[in-house]
């Protein structure tokens, strides 16, 4: 949820919690109006709590195009593209025309596209 939508939901929830139930309750409500005010306030509170617990969107789209060659030797690691450890990131990742990868030696690795490790 973007920051703008989060603020909008919080403001609307606050208005819903305060406005109409307050007006109804100041006018000597009957049972139906009291029930309506209670339901409206409860819905506003639920919307407020929901909005407060939403994470703001930090989506990033990663693109690697024509990254060339990654060469490695002797237990090293080379990434000539996008590295996302454990798949971190909320946006898309795209690699095009990534080229060759060469890894020599024990424990070495070369990635020219997207590395999720």
PDB file of N, CA and C in Angstrom:
ATOM      1  N   UNK A   1       0.860  -1.173   0.000  1.00  0.00           N
ATOM      2  CA  UNK A   1       0.000   0.000   0.000  1.00  0.00           C
ATOM      3  C   UNK A   1       0.896   1.223   0.000  1.00  0.00           C
ATOM      4  N   UNK A   2       0.608   2.142  -0.906  1.00  0.00           N
ATOM      5  CA  UNK A   2       1.425   3.341  -0.979  1.00  0.00           C
ATOM      6  C   UNK A   2       1.125   4.257   0.207  1.00  0.00           C
ATOM      7  N   UNK A   3       2.043   5.149   0.469  1.00  0.00           N
ATOM      8  CA  UNK A   3       1.899   6.072   1.596  1.00  0.00           C
ATOM      9  C   UNK A   3       0.665   6.953   1.426  1.00  0.00           C
ATOM     10  N   UNK A   4       0.372   7.366   0.199  1.00  0.00           N
ATOM     11  CA  UNK A   4      -0.789   8.221  -0.058  1.00  0.00           C
ATOM     12  C   UNK A   4      -2.090   7.502   0.275  1.00  0.00           C
ATOM     13  N   UNK A   5      -2.214   6.247  -0.170  1.00  0.00           N
ATOM     14  CA  UNK A   5      -3.428   5.479   0.136  1.00  0.00           C
ATOM     15  C   UNK A   5      -3.544   5.219   1.630  1.00  0.00           C
ATOM     16  N   UNK A   6      -2.425   4.965   2.286  1.00  0.00           N
ATOM     17  CA  UNK A   6      -2.453   4.711   3.722  1.00  0.00           C
ATOM     18  C   UNK A   6      -2.979   5.938   4.470  1.00  0.00           C
ATOM     19  N   UNK A   7      -2.501   7.106   4.113  1.00  0.00           N
ATOM     20  CA  UNK A   7      -2.965   8.342   4.744  1.00  0.00           C
ATOM     21  C   UNK A   7      -4.447   8.563   4.450  1.00  0.00           C
ATOM     22  N   UNK A   8      -4.860   8.306   3.208  1.00  0.00           N
ATOM     23  CA  UNK A   8      -6.260   8.475   2.834  1.00  0.00           C
ATOM     24  C   UNK A   8      -7.169   7.572   3.658  1.00  0.00           C
ATOM     25  N   UNK A   9      -6.799   6.300   3.802  1.00  0.00           N
ATOM     26  CA  UNK A   9      -7.609   5.360   4.579  1.00  0.00           C
ATOM     27  C   UNK A   9      -7.661   5.768   6.044  1.00  0.00           C
ATOM     28  N   UNK A  10      -6.541   6.206   6.598  1.00  0.00           N
ATOM     29  CA  UNK A  10      -6.518   6.625   8.000  1.00  0.00           C
ATOM     30  C   UNK A  10      -7.426   7.834   8.216  1.00  0.00           C
ATOM     31  N   UNK A  11      -7.357   8.820   7.327  1.00  0.00           N
ATOM     32  CA  UNK A  11      -8.201  10.012   7.466  1.00  0.00           C
ATOM     33  C   UNK A  11      -9.673   9.657   7.328  1.00  0.00           C
ATOM     34  N   UNK A  12     -10.029   8.850   6.318  1.00  0.00           N
ATOM     35  CA  UNK A  12     -11.427   8.455   6.141  1.00  0.00           C
ATOM     36  C   UNK A  12     -11.938   7.620   7.303  1.00  0.00           C
ATOM     37  N   UNK A  13     -11.092   6.756   7.835  1.00  0.00           N
ATOM     38  CA  UNK A  13     -11.492   5.957   8.996  1.00  0.00           C
ATOM     39  C   UNK A  13     -11.743   6.855  10.201  1.00  0.00           C
ATOM     40  N   UNK A  14     -10.876   7.823  10.417  1.00  0.00           N
ATOM     41  CA  UNK A  14     -11.063   8.745  11.543  1.00  0.00           C
ATOM     42  C   UNK A  14     -12.348   9.551  11.385  1.00  0.00           C
ATOM     43  N   UNK A  15     -12.609  10.009  10.171  1.00  0.00           N
ATOM     44  CA  UNK A  15     -13.850  10.751   9.917  1.00  0.00           C
ATOM     45  C   UNK A  15     -15.056   9.852  10.152  1.00  0.00           C
ATOM     46  N   UNK A  16     -14.986   8.604   9.695  1.00  0.00           N
ATOM     47  CA  UNK A  16     -16.085   7.660   9.901  1.00  0.00           C
ATOM     48  C   UNK A  16     -16.316   7.315  11.354  1.00  0.00           C
ATOM     49  N   UNK A  17     -15.244   7.233  12.120  1.00  0.00           N
ATOM     50  CA  UNK A  17     -15.365   6.911  13.545  1.00  0.00           C
ATOM     51  C   UNK A  17     -16.015   8.062  14.303  1.00  0.00           C
ATOM     52  N   UNK A  18     -15.671   9.276  13.954  1.00  0.00           N
ATOM     53  CA  UNK A  18     -16.095  10.444  14.733  1.00  0.00           C
ATOM     54  C   UNK A  18     -17.391  11.082  14.244  1.00  0.00           C
ATOM     55  N   UNK A  19     -17.544  11.268  12.936  1.00  0.00           N
ATOM     56  CA  UNK A  19     -18.592  12.154  12.427  1.00  0.00           C
ATOM     57  C   UNK A  19     -20.016  11.658  12.643  1.00  0.00           C
ATOM     58  N   UNK A  20     -20.471  10.721  11.873  1.00  0.00           N
ATOM     59  CA  UNK A  20     -21.876  10.324  11.902  1.00  0.00           C
ATOM     60  C   UNK A  20     -22.305   9.743  13.245  1.00  0.00           C
ATOM     61  N   UNK A  21     -21.543   8.816  13.839  1.00  0.00           N
ATOM     62  CA  UNK A  21     -21.983   8.330  15.151  1.00  0.00           C
ATOM     63  C   UNK A  21     -22.131   9.457  16.173  1.00  0.00           C
ATOM     64  N   UNK A  22     -21.238  10.442  16.122  1.00  0.00           N
ATOM     65  CA  UNK A  22     -21.314  11.565  17.052  1.00  0.00           C
ATOM     66  C   UNK A  22     -22.603  12.358  16.828  1.00  0.00           C
ATOM     67  N   UNK A  23     -22.919  12.607  15.570  1.00  0.00           N
ATOM     68  CA  UNK A  23     -24.152  13.342  15.249  1.00  0.00           C
ATOM     69  C   UNK A  23     -25.371  12.548  15.694  1.00  0.00           C
ATOM     70  N   UNK A  24     -25.369  11.233  15.430  1.00  0.00           N
ATOM     71  CA  UNK A  24     -26.509  10.407  15.832  1.00  0.00           C
ATOM     72  C   UNK A  24     -26.664  10.377  17.343  1.00  0.00           C
ATOM     73  N   UNK A  25     -25.568  10.234  18.045  1.00  0.00           N
ATOM     74  CA  UNK A  25     -25.638  10.091  19.497  1.00  0.00           C
ATOM     75  C   UNK A  25     -26.025  11.398  20.192  1.00  0.00           C
ATOM     76  N   UNK A  26     -25.773  12.537  19.585  1.00  0.00           N
ATOM     77  CA  UNK A  26     -26.149  13.820  20.178  1.00  0.00           C
ATOM     78  C   UNK A  26     -27.627  14.129  19.997  1.00  0.00           C
ATOM     79  N   UNK A  27     -28.320  13.356  19.184  1.00  0.00           N
ATOM     80  CA  UNK A  27     -29.718  13.619  18.857  1.00  0.00           C
ATOM     81  C   UNK A  27     -30.640  12.589  19.507  1.00  0.00           C
ATOM     82  N   UNK A  28     -30.344  12.160  20.716  1.00  0.00           N
ATOM     83  CA  UNK A  28     -31.144  11.168  21.443  1.00  0.00           C
ATOM     84  C   UNK A  28     -31.538   9.997  20.541  1.00  0.00           C
ATOM     85  N   UNK A  29     -30.598   9.108  20.255  1.00  0.00           N
ATOM     86  CA  UNK A  29     -30.843   8.044  19.290  1.00  0.00           C
ATOM     87  C   UNK A  29     -31.813   6.983  19.813  1.00  0.00           C
ATOM     88  N   UNK A  30     -32.523   6.362  18.866  1.00  0.00           N
ATOM     89  CA  UNK A  30     -33.318   5.197  19.233  1.00  0.00           C
ATOM     90  C   UNK A  30     -32.424   3.972  19.088  1.00  0.00           C
ATOM     91  N   UNK A  31     -32.961   2.804  19.267  1.00  0.00           N
ATOM     92  CA  UNK A  31     -32.165   1.581  19.263  1.00  0.00           C
ATOM     93  C   UNK A  31     -31.487   1.352  17.915  1.00  0.00           C
ATOM     94  N   UNK A  32     -32.209   1.587  16.824  1.00  0.00           N
ATOM     95  CA  UNK A  32     -31.632   1.388  15.492  1.00  0.00           C
ATOM     96  C   UNK A  32     -30.490   2.339  15.219  1.00  0.00           C
ATOM     97  N   UNK A  33     -30.634   3.585  15.597  1.00  0.00           N
ATOM     98  CA  UNK A  33     -29.572   4.557  15.375  1.00  0.00           C
ATOM     99  C   UNK A  33     -28.346   4.233  16.234  1.00  0.00           C
ATOM    100  N   UNK A  34     -28.587   3.776  17.448  1.00  0.00           N
ATOM    101  CA  UNK A  34     -27.481   3.394  18.321  1.00  0.00           C
ATOM    102  C   UNK A  34     -26.722   2.197  17.741  1.00  0.00           C
ATOM    103  N   UNK A  35     -27.461   1.220  17.225  1.00  0.00           N
ATOM    104  CA  UNK A  35     -26.824   0.058  16.602  1.00  0.00           C
ATOM    105  C   UNK A  35     -26.052   0.494  15.356  1.00  0.00           C
ATOM    106  N   UNK A  36     -26.648   1.367  14.539  1.00  0.00           N
ATOM    107  CA  UNK A  36     -25.970   1.860  13.340  1.00  0.00           C
ATOM    108  C   UNK A  36     -24.699   2.622  13.674  1.00  0.00           C
ATOM    109  N   UNK A  37     -24.773   3.452  14.706  1.00  0.00           N
ATOM    110  CA  UNK A  37     -23.593   4.216  15.126  1.00  0.00           C
ATOM    111  C   UNK A  37     -22.489   3.279  15.597  1.00  0.00           C
ATOM    112  N   UNK A  38     -22.869   2.239  16.320  1.00  0.00           N
ATOM    113  CA  UNK A  38     -21.881   1.282  16.825  1.00  0.00           C
ATOM    114  C   UNK A  38     -21.209   0.525  15.680  1.00  0.00           C
ATOM    115  N   UNK A  39     -22.025   0.100  14.701  1.00  0.00           N
ATOM    116  CA  UNK A  39     -21.467  -0.624  13.557  1.00  0.00           C
ATOM    117  C   UNK A  39     -20.544   0.292  12.754  1.00  0.00           C
ATOM    118  N   UNK A  40     -20.958   1.524  12.513  1.00  0.00           N
ATOM    119  CA  UNK A  40     -20.135   2.454  11.743  1.00  0.00           C
ATOM    120  C   UNK A  40     -18.825   2.738  12.458  1.00  0.00           C
ATOM    121  N   UNK A  41     -18.872   2.927  13.748  1.00  0.00           N
ATOM    122  CA  UNK A  41     -17.641   3.173  14.506  1.00  0.00           C
ATOM    123  C   UNK A  41     -16.730   1.949  14.465  1.00  0.00           C
ATOM    124  N   UNK A  42     -17.309   0.759  14.569  1.00  0.00           N
ATOM    125  CA  UNK A  42     -16.507  -0.463  14.539  1.00  0.00           C
ATOM    126  C   UNK A  42     -15.831  -0.636  13.179  1.00  0.00           C
ATOM    127  N   UNK A  43     -16.562  -0.375  12.095  1.00  0.00           N
ATOM    128  CA  UNK A  43     -15.978  -0.481  10.755  1.00  0.00           C
ATOM    129  C   UNK A  43     -14.853   0.542  10.584  1.00  0.00           C
ATOM    130  N   UNK A  44     -15.048   1.739  11.085  1.00  0.00           N
ATOM    131  CA  UNK A  44     -14.002   2.751  11.009  1.00  0.00           C
ATOM    132  C   UNK A  44     -12.758   2.345  11.779  1.00  0.00           C
ATOM    133  N   UNK A  45     -12.946   1.758  12.948  1.00  0.00           N
ATOM    134  CA  UNK A  45     -11.805   1.314  13.757  1.00  0.00           C
ATOM    135  C   UNK A  45     -11.059   0.182  13.061  1.00  0.00           C
ATOM    136  N   UNK A  46     -11.804  -0.764  12.481  1.00  0.00           N
ATOM    137  CA  UNK A  46     -11.168  -1.865  11.755  1.00  0.00           C
ATOM    138  C   UNK A  46     -10.368  -1.330  10.570  1.00  0.00           C
ATOM    139  N   UNK A  47     -10.930  -0.377   9.821  1.00  0.00           N
ATOM    140  CA  UNK A  47     -10.211   0.210   8.685  1.00  0.00           C
ATOM    141  C   UNK A  47      -8.969   0.954   9.157  1.00  0.00           C
ATOM    142  N   UNK A  48      -9.070   1.642  10.263  1.00  0.00           N
ATOM    143  CA  UNK A  48      -7.931   2.368  10.816  1.00  0.00           C
ATOM    144  C   UNK A  48      -6.811   1.414  11.215  1.00  0.00           C
ATOM    145  N   UNK A  49      -7.147   0.367  11.938  1.00  0.00           N
ATOM    146  CA  UNK A  49      -6.140  -0.602  12.381  1.00  0.00           C
ATOM    147  C   UNK A  49      -5.511  -1.295  11.172  1.00  0.00           C
ATOM    148  N   UNK A  50      -6.355  -1.678  10.206  1.00  0.00           N
ATOM    149  CA  UNK A  50      -5.842  -2.336   9.006  1.00  0.00           C
ATOM    150  C   UNK A  50      -4.845  -1.437   8.286  1.00  0.00           C
ATOM    151  N   UNK A  51      -5.176  -0.174   8.111  1.00  0.00           N
ATOM    152  CA  UNK A  51      -4.294   0.760   7.406  1.00  0.00           C
ATOM    153  C   UNK A  51      -2.981   0.973   8.158  1.00  0.00           C
ATOM    154  N   UNK A  52      -3.051   1.017   9.463  1.00  0.00           N
ATOM    155  CA  UNK A  52      -1.840   1.247  10.249  1.00  0.00           C
ATOM    156  C   UNK A  52      -0.864   0.082  10.164  1.00  0.00           C
ATOM    157  N   UNK A  53      -1.378  -1.134   9.951  1.00  0.00           N
ATOM    158  CA  UNK A  53      -0.505  -2.294   9.885  1.00  0.00           C
ATOM    159  C   UNK A  53      -0.034  -2.634   8.476  1.00  0.00           C
ATOM    160  N   UNK A  54      -0.450  -1.894   7.476  1.00  0.00           N
ATOM    161  CA  UNK A  54       0.005  -2.127   6.106  1.00  0.00           C
ATOM    162  C   UNK A  54       1.395  -1.536   5.930  1.00  0.00           C
ATOM    163  N   UNK A  55       2.234  -2.287   5.254  1.00  0.00           N
ATOM    164  CA  UNK A  55       3.576  -1.796   4.961  1.00  0.00           C
ATOM    165  C   UNK A  55       3.508  -0.883   3.746  1.00  0.00           C
ATOM    166  N   UNK A  56       4.275   0.179   3.786  1.00  0.00           N
ATOM    167  CA  UNK A  56       4.311   1.044   2.616  1.00  0.00           C
ATOM    168  C   UNK A  56       5.041   0.307   1.508  1.00  0.00           C
ATOM    169  N   UNK A  57       4.653   0.585   0.299  1.00  0.00           N
ATOM    170  CA  UNK A  57       5.185  -0.116  -0.842  1.00  0.00           C
ATOM    171  C   UNK A  57       6.581   0.390  -1.163  1.00  0.00           C
ATOM    172  N   UNK A  58       7.522  -0.530  -1.204  1.00  0.00           N
ATOM    173  CA  UNK A  58       8.885  -0.165  -1.596  1.00  0.00           C
ATOM    174  C   UNK A  58       9.299  -1.071  -2.746  1.00  0.00           C
ATOM    175  N   UNK A  59       8.479  -1.107  -3.757  1.00  0.00           N
ATOM    176  CA  UNK A  59       8.682  -1.983  -4.896  1.00  0.00           C
ATOM    177  C   UNK A  59       9.766  -1.416  -5.809  1.00  0.00           C
ATOM    178  N   UNK A  60      10.678  -2.280  -6.167  1.00  0.00           N
ATOM    179  CA  UNK A  60      11.705  -1.892  -7.119  1.00  0.00           C
ATOM    180  C   UNK A  60      11.730  -2.903  -8.251  1.00  0.00           C
ATOM    181  N   UNK A  61      11.817  -2.437  -9.459  1.00  0.00           N
ATOM    182  CA  UNK A  61      11.938  -3.299 -10.619  1.00  0.00           C
ATOM    183  C   UNK A  61      13.388  -3.279 -11.070  1.00  0.00           C
ATOM    184  N   UNK A  62      13.997  -4.466 -11.132  1.00  0.00           N
ATOM    185  CA  UNK A  62      15.397  -4.583 -11.522  1.00  0.00           C
ATOM    186  C   UNK A  62      15.494  -5.104 -12.946  1.00  0.00           C
ATOM    187  N   UNK A  63      16.353  -4.491 -13.740  1.00  0.00           N
ATOM    188  CA  UNK A  63      16.559  -4.900 -15.122  1.00  0.00           C
ATOM    189  C   UNK A  63      18.058  -4.949 -15.392  1.00  0.00           C
ATOM    190  N   UNK A  64      18.506  -6.056 -15.957  1.00  0.00           N
ATOM    191  CA  UNK A  64      19.891  -6.185 -16.396  1.00  0.00           C
ATOM    192  C   UNK A  64      19.858  -6.572 -17.870  1.00  0.00           C
ATOM    193  N   UNK A  65      20.436  -5.745 -18.707  1.00  0.00           N
ATOM    194  CA  UNK A  65      20.418  -5.980 -20.157  1.00  0.00           C
ATOM    195  C   UNK A  65      21.844  -6.009 -20.679  1.00  0.00           C
ATOM    196  N   UNK A  66      22.193  -7.061 -21.389  1.00  0.00           N
ATOM    197  CA  UNK A  66      23.510  -7.156 -22.010  1.00  0.00           C
ATOM    198  C   UNK A  66      24.642  -7.031 -21.012  1.00  0.00           C
ATOM    199  N   UNK A  67      24.620  -7.820 -19.965  1.00  0.00           N
ATOM    200  CA  UNK A  67      25.583  -7.645 -18.879  1.00  0.00           C
ATOM    201  C   UNK A  67      26.989  -8.109 -19.213  1.00  0.00           C
ATOM    202  N   UNK A  68      27.166  -8.883 -20.256  1.00  0.00           N
ATOM    203  CA  UNK A  68      28.511  -9.339 -20.608  1.00  0.00           C
ATOM    204  C   UNK A  68      28.863 -10.622 -19.890  1.00  0.00           C
ATOM    205  N   UNK A  69      30.156 -10.876 -19.746  1.00  0.00           N
ATOM    206  CA  UNK A  69      30.617 -12.140 -19.196  1.00  0.00           C
ATOM    207  C   UNK A  69      31.005 -12.000 -17.738  1.00  0.00           C
ATOM    208  N   UNK A  70      30.752 -13.053 -16.986  1.00  0.00           N
ATOM    209  CA  UNK A  70      31.222 -13.123 -15.597  1.00  0.00           C
ATOM    210  C   UNK A  70      32.219 -14.276 -15.525  1.00  0.00           C
ATOM    211  N   UNK A  71      33.438 -13.999 -15.159  1.00  0.00           N
ATOM    212  CA  UNK A  71      34.473 -15.038 -15.052  1.00  0.00           C
ATOM    213  C   UNK A  71      34.984 -15.053 -13.630  1.00  0.00           C
ATOM    214  N   UNK A  72      35.179 -16.252 -13.143  1.00  0.00           N
ATOM    215  CA  UNK A  72      35.607 -16.388 -11.753  1.00  0.00           C
ATOM    216  C   UNK A  72      36.602 -17.520 -11.640  1.00  0.00           C
ATOM    217  N   UNK A  73      37.448 -17.438 -10.650  1.00  0.00           N
ATOM    218  CA  UNK A  73      38.446 -18.478 -10.471  1.00  0.00           C
ATOM    219  C   UNK A  73      38.741 -18.654  -8.986  1.00  0.00           C
ATOM    220  N   UNK A  74      38.928 -19.864  -8.568  1.00  0.00           N
ATOM    221  CA  UNK A  74      39.419 -20.173  -7.232  1.00  0.00           C
ATOM    222  C   UNK A  74      38.493 -19.828  -6.083  1.00  0.00           C
ATOM    223  N   UNK A  75      37.280 -20.302  -6.083  1.00  0.00           N
ATOM    224  CA  UNK A  75      36.386 -20.154  -4.936  1.00  0.00           C
ATOM    225  C   UNK A  75      35.703 -18.811  -4.801  1.00  0.00           C
ATOM    226  N   UNK A  76      35.787 -17.977  -5.796  1.00  0.00           N
ATOM    227  CA  UNK A  76      35.145 -16.657  -5.734  1.00  0.00           C
ATOM    228  C   UNK A  76      33.751 -16.728  -6.367  1.00  0.00           C
ATOM    229  N   UNK A  77      33.037 -15.634  -6.277  1.00  0.00           N
ATOM    230  CA  UNK A  77      31.699 -15.548  -6.856  1.00  0.00           C
ATOM    231  C   UNK A  77      31.578 -14.227  -7.604  1.00  0.00           C
ATOM    232  N   UNK A  78      31.047 -14.288  -8.815  1.00  0.00           N
ATOM    233  CA  UNK A  78      30.850 -13.081  -9.614  1.00  0.00           C
ATOM    234  C   UNK A  78      29.403 -13.031 -10.098  1.00  0.00           C
ATOM    235  N   UNK A  79      28.790 -11.858 -10.014  1.00  0.00           N
ATOM    236  CA  UNK A  79      27.434 -11.647 -10.511  1.00  0.00           C
ATOM    237  C   UNK A  79      27.476 -10.433 -11.433  1.00  0.00           C
ATOM    238  N   UNK A  80      27.171 -10.651 -12.698  1.00  0.00           N
ATOM    239  CA  UNK A  80      27.142  -9.552 -13.660  1.00  0.00           C
ATOM    240  C   UNK A  80      25.692  -9.314 -14.074  1.00  0.00           C
ATOM    241  N   UNK A  81      24.827  -9.199 -13.111  1.00  0.00           N
ATOM    242  CA  UNK A  81      23.405  -8.993 -13.382  1.00  0.00           C
ATOM    243  C   UNK A  81      22.724  -8.464 -12.131  1.00  0.00           C
ATOM    244  N   UNK A  82      21.764  -9.202 -11.646  1.00  0.00           N
ATOM    245  CA  UNK A  82      20.968  -8.791 -10.481  1.00  0.00           C
ATOM    246  C   UNK A  82      21.183  -9.797  -9.366  1.00  0.00           C
ATOM    247  N   UNK A  83      21.480  -9.308  -8.165  1.00  0.00           N
ATOM    248  CA  UNK A  83      21.633 -10.193  -7.011  1.00  0.00           C
ATOM    249  C   UNK A  83      20.521  -9.891  -6.020  1.00  0.00           C
ATOM    250  N   UNK A  84      19.719 -10.906  -5.738  1.00  0.00           N
ATOM    251  CA  UNK A  84      18.630 -10.795  -4.760  1.00  0.00           C
ATOM    252  C   UNK A  84      18.745 -11.949  -3.771  1.00  0.00           C
ATOM    253  N   UNK A  85      19.475 -11.770  -2.699  1.00  0.00           N
ATOM    254  CA  UNK A  85      19.635 -12.844  -1.714  1.00  0.00           C
ATOM    255  C   UNK A  85      18.286 -13.286  -1.161  1.00  0.00           C
ATOM    256  N   UNK A  86      18.051 -14.587  -1.167  1.00  0.00           N
ATOM    257  CA  UNK A  86      16.810 -15.201  -0.693  1.00  0.00           C
ATOM    258  C   UNK A  86      15.582 -14.585  -1.368  1.00  0.00           C
ATOM    259  N   UNK A  87      15.716 -14.133  -2.587  1.00  0.00           N
ATOM    260  CA  UNK A  87      14.588 -13.578  -3.335  1.00  0.00           C
ATOM    261  C   UNK A  87      14.058 -12.271  -2.791  1.00  0.00           C
ATOM    262  N   UNK A  88      14.882 -11.498  -2.090  1.00  0.00           N
ATOM    263  CA  UNK A  88      14.434 -10.226  -1.526  1.00  0.00           C
ATOM    264  C   UNK A  88      13.997  -9.266  -2.617  1.00  0.00           C
ATOM    265  N   UNK A  89      13.144  -8.346  -2.244  1.00  0.00           N
ATOM    266  CA  UNK A  89      12.645  -7.363  -3.190  1.00  0.00           C
ATOM    267  C   UNK A  89      11.221  -7.696  -3.590  1.00  0.00           C
ATOM    268  N   UNK A  90      10.411  -6.683  -3.788  1.00  0.00           N
ATOM    269  CA  UNK A  90       9.014  -6.925  -4.100  1.00  0.00           C
ATOM    270  C   UNK A  90       8.686  -6.691  -5.563  1.00  0.00           C
ATOM    271  N   UNK A  91       9.608  -6.142  -6.317  1.00  0.00           N
ATOM    272  CA  UNK A  91       9.351  -5.862  -7.724  1.00  0.00           C
ATOM    273  C   UNK A  91       9.823  -6.993  -8.609  1.00  0.00           C
ATOM    274  N   UNK A  92       9.728  -6.776  -9.881  1.00  0.00           N
ATOM    275  CA  UNK A  92      10.138  -7.792 -10.837  1.00  0.00           C
ATOM    276  C   UNK A  92      11.634  -7.707 -11.100  1.00  0.00           C
ATOM    277  N   UNK A  93      12.176  -8.794 -11.590  1.00  0.00           N
ATOM    278  CA  UNK A  93      13.584  -8.843 -11.981  1.00  0.00           C
ATOM    279  C   UNK A  93      13.643  -9.447 -13.377  1.00  0.00           C
ATOM    280  N   UNK A  94      14.338  -8.764 -14.282  1.00  0.00           N
ATOM    281  CA  UNK A  94      14.422  -9.224 -15.664  1.00  0.00           C
ATOM    282  C   UNK A  94      15.858  -9.105 -16.146  1.00  0.00           C
ATOM    283  N   UNK A  95      16.340 -10.172 -16.766  1.00  0.00           N
ATOM    284  CA  UNK A  95      17.688 -10.175 -17.324  1.00  0.00           C
ATOM    285  C   UNK A  95      17.590 -10.566 -18.794  1.00  0.00           C
ATOM    286  N   UNK A  96      18.240  -9.805 -19.662  1.00  0.00           N
ATOM    287  CA  UNK A  96      18.210 -10.061 -21.105  1.00  0.00           C
ATOM    288  C   UNK A  96      19.629 -10.100 -21.650  1.00  0.00           C
ATOM    289  N   UNK A  97      19.863 -10.959 -22.638  1.00  0.00           N
ATOM    290  CA  UNK A  97      21.151 -11.061 -23.329  1.00  0.00           C
ATOM    291  C   UNK A  97      22.309 -11.039 -22.330  1.00  0.00           C
ATOM    292  N   UNK A  98      22.281 -11.961 -21.406  1.00  0.00           N
ATOM    293  CA  UNK A  98      23.223 -11.908 -20.293  1.00  0.00           C
ATOM    294  C   UNK A  98      24.624 -12.402 -20.623  1.00  0.00           C
ATOM    295  N   UNK A  99      24.826 -13.084 -21.705  1.00  0.00           N
ATOM    296  CA  UNK A  99      26.181 -13.495 -22.054  1.00  0.00           C
ATOM    297  C   UNK A  99      26.589 -14.801 -21.402  1.00  0.00           C
ATOM    298  N   UNK A 100      27.887 -15.022 -21.258  1.00  0.00           N
ATOM    299  CA  UNK A 100      28.438 -16.273 -20.757  1.00  0.00           C
ATOM    300  C   UNK A 100      28.817 -16.155 -19.289  1.00  0.00           C
ATOM    301  N   UNK A 101      28.933 -17.292 -18.648  1.00  0.00           N
ATOM    302  CA  UNK A 101      29.431 -17.352 -17.272  1.00  0.00           C
ATOM    303  C   UNK A 101      30.467 -18.460 -17.196  1.00  0.00           C
ATOM    304  N   UNK A 102      31.604 -18.184 -16.611  1.00  0.00           N
ATOM    305  CA  UNK A 102      32.660 -19.177 -16.465  1.00  0.00           C
ATOM    306  C   UNK A 102      33.111 -19.186 -15.018  1.00  0.00           C
ATOM    307  N   UNK A 103      33.108 -20.346 -14.408  1.00  0.00           N
ATOM    308  CA  UNK A 103      33.566 -20.478 -13.022  1.00  0.00           C
ATOM    309  C   UNK A 103      34.561 -21.621 -12.954  1.00  0.00           C
ATOM    310  N   UNK A 104      35.757 -21.364 -12.480  1.00  0.00           N
ATOM    311  CA  UNK A 104      36.793 -22.386 -12.344  1.00  0.00           C
ATOM    312  C   UNK A 104      37.200 -22.479 -10.884  1.00  0.00           C
ATOM    313  N   UNK A 105      37.409 -23.675 -10.437  1.00  0.00           N
ATOM    314  CA  UNK A 105      37.879 -23.865  -9.073  1.00  0.00           C
ATOM    315  C   UNK A 105      36.758 -24.284  -8.140  1.00  0.00           C
ATOM    316  N   UNK A 106      37.166 -24.917  -7.081  1.00  0.00           N
ATOM    317  CA  UNK A 106      36.212 -25.439  -6.099  1.00  0.00           C
ATOM    318  C   UNK A 106      35.501 -24.303  -5.360  1.00  0.00           C
ATOM    319  N   UNK A 107      34.179 -24.370  -5.305  1.00  0.00           N
ATOM    320  CA  UNK A 107      33.384 -23.375  -4.586  1.00  0.00           C
ATOM    321  C   UNK A 107      33.167 -22.077  -5.329  1.00  0.00           C
ATOM    322  N   UNK A 108      33.582 -22.000  -6.576  1.00  0.00           N
ATOM    323  CA  UNK A 108      33.391 -20.764  -7.322  1.00  0.00           C
ATOM    324  C   UNK A 108      32.069 -20.815  -8.092  1.00  0.00           C
ATOM    325  N   UNK A 109      31.487 -19.644  -8.341  1.00  0.00           N
ATOM    326  CA  UNK A 109      30.257 -19.575  -9.135  1.00  0.00           C
ATOM    327  C   UNK A 109      30.210 -18.243  -9.864  1.00  0.00           C
ATOM    328  N   UNK A 110      29.625 -18.281 -11.062  1.00  0.00           N
ATOM    329  CA  UNK A 110      29.496 -17.076 -11.876  1.00  0.00           C
ATOM    330  C   UNK A 110      28.050 -17.008 -12.378  1.00  0.00           C
ATOM    331  N   UNK A 111      27.436 -15.835 -12.234  1.00  0.00           N
ATOM    332  CA  UNK A 111      26.044 -15.637 -12.640  1.00  0.00           C
ATOM    333  C   UNK A 111      25.986 -14.397 -13.513  1.00  0.00           C
ATOM    334  N   UNK A 112      25.343 -14.505 -14.679  1.00  0.00           N
ATOM    335  CA  UNK A 112      25.189 -13.323 -15.521  1.00  0.00           C
ATOM    336  C   UNK A 112      23.731 -12.908 -15.649  1.00  0.00           C
ATOM    337  N   UNK A 113      22.856 -13.527 -14.924  1.00  0.00           N
ATOM    338  CA  UNK A 113      21.437 -13.169 -14.965  1.00  0.00           C
ATOM    339  C   UNK A 113      20.959 -12.686 -13.613  1.00  0.00           C
ATOM    340  N   UNK A 114      20.147 -13.486 -12.969  1.00  0.00           N
ATOM    341  CA  UNK A 114      19.586 -13.137 -11.657  1.00  0.00           C
ATOM    342  C   UNK A 114      20.035 -14.197 -10.653  1.00  0.00           C
ATOM    343  N   UNK A 115      20.648 -13.754  -9.580  1.00  0.00           N
ATOM    344  CA  UNK A 115      21.135 -14.663  -8.531  1.00  0.00           C
ATOM    345  C   UNK A 115      20.235 -14.530  -7.311  1.00  0.00           C
ATOM    346  N   UNK A 116      19.476 -15.584  -7.005  1.00  0.00           N
ATOM    347  CA  UNK A 116      18.564 -15.579  -5.850  1.00  0.00           C
ATOM    348  C   UNK A 116      19.172 -16.254  -4.624  1.00  0.00           C
ATOM    349  N   UNK A 117      20.441 -16.639  -4.673  1.00  0.00           N
ATOM    350  CA  UNK A 117      21.019 -17.342  -3.531  1.00  0.00           C
ATOM    351  C   UNK A 117      21.606 -16.401  -2.501  1.00  0.00           C
TER     352      UNK A 117
END
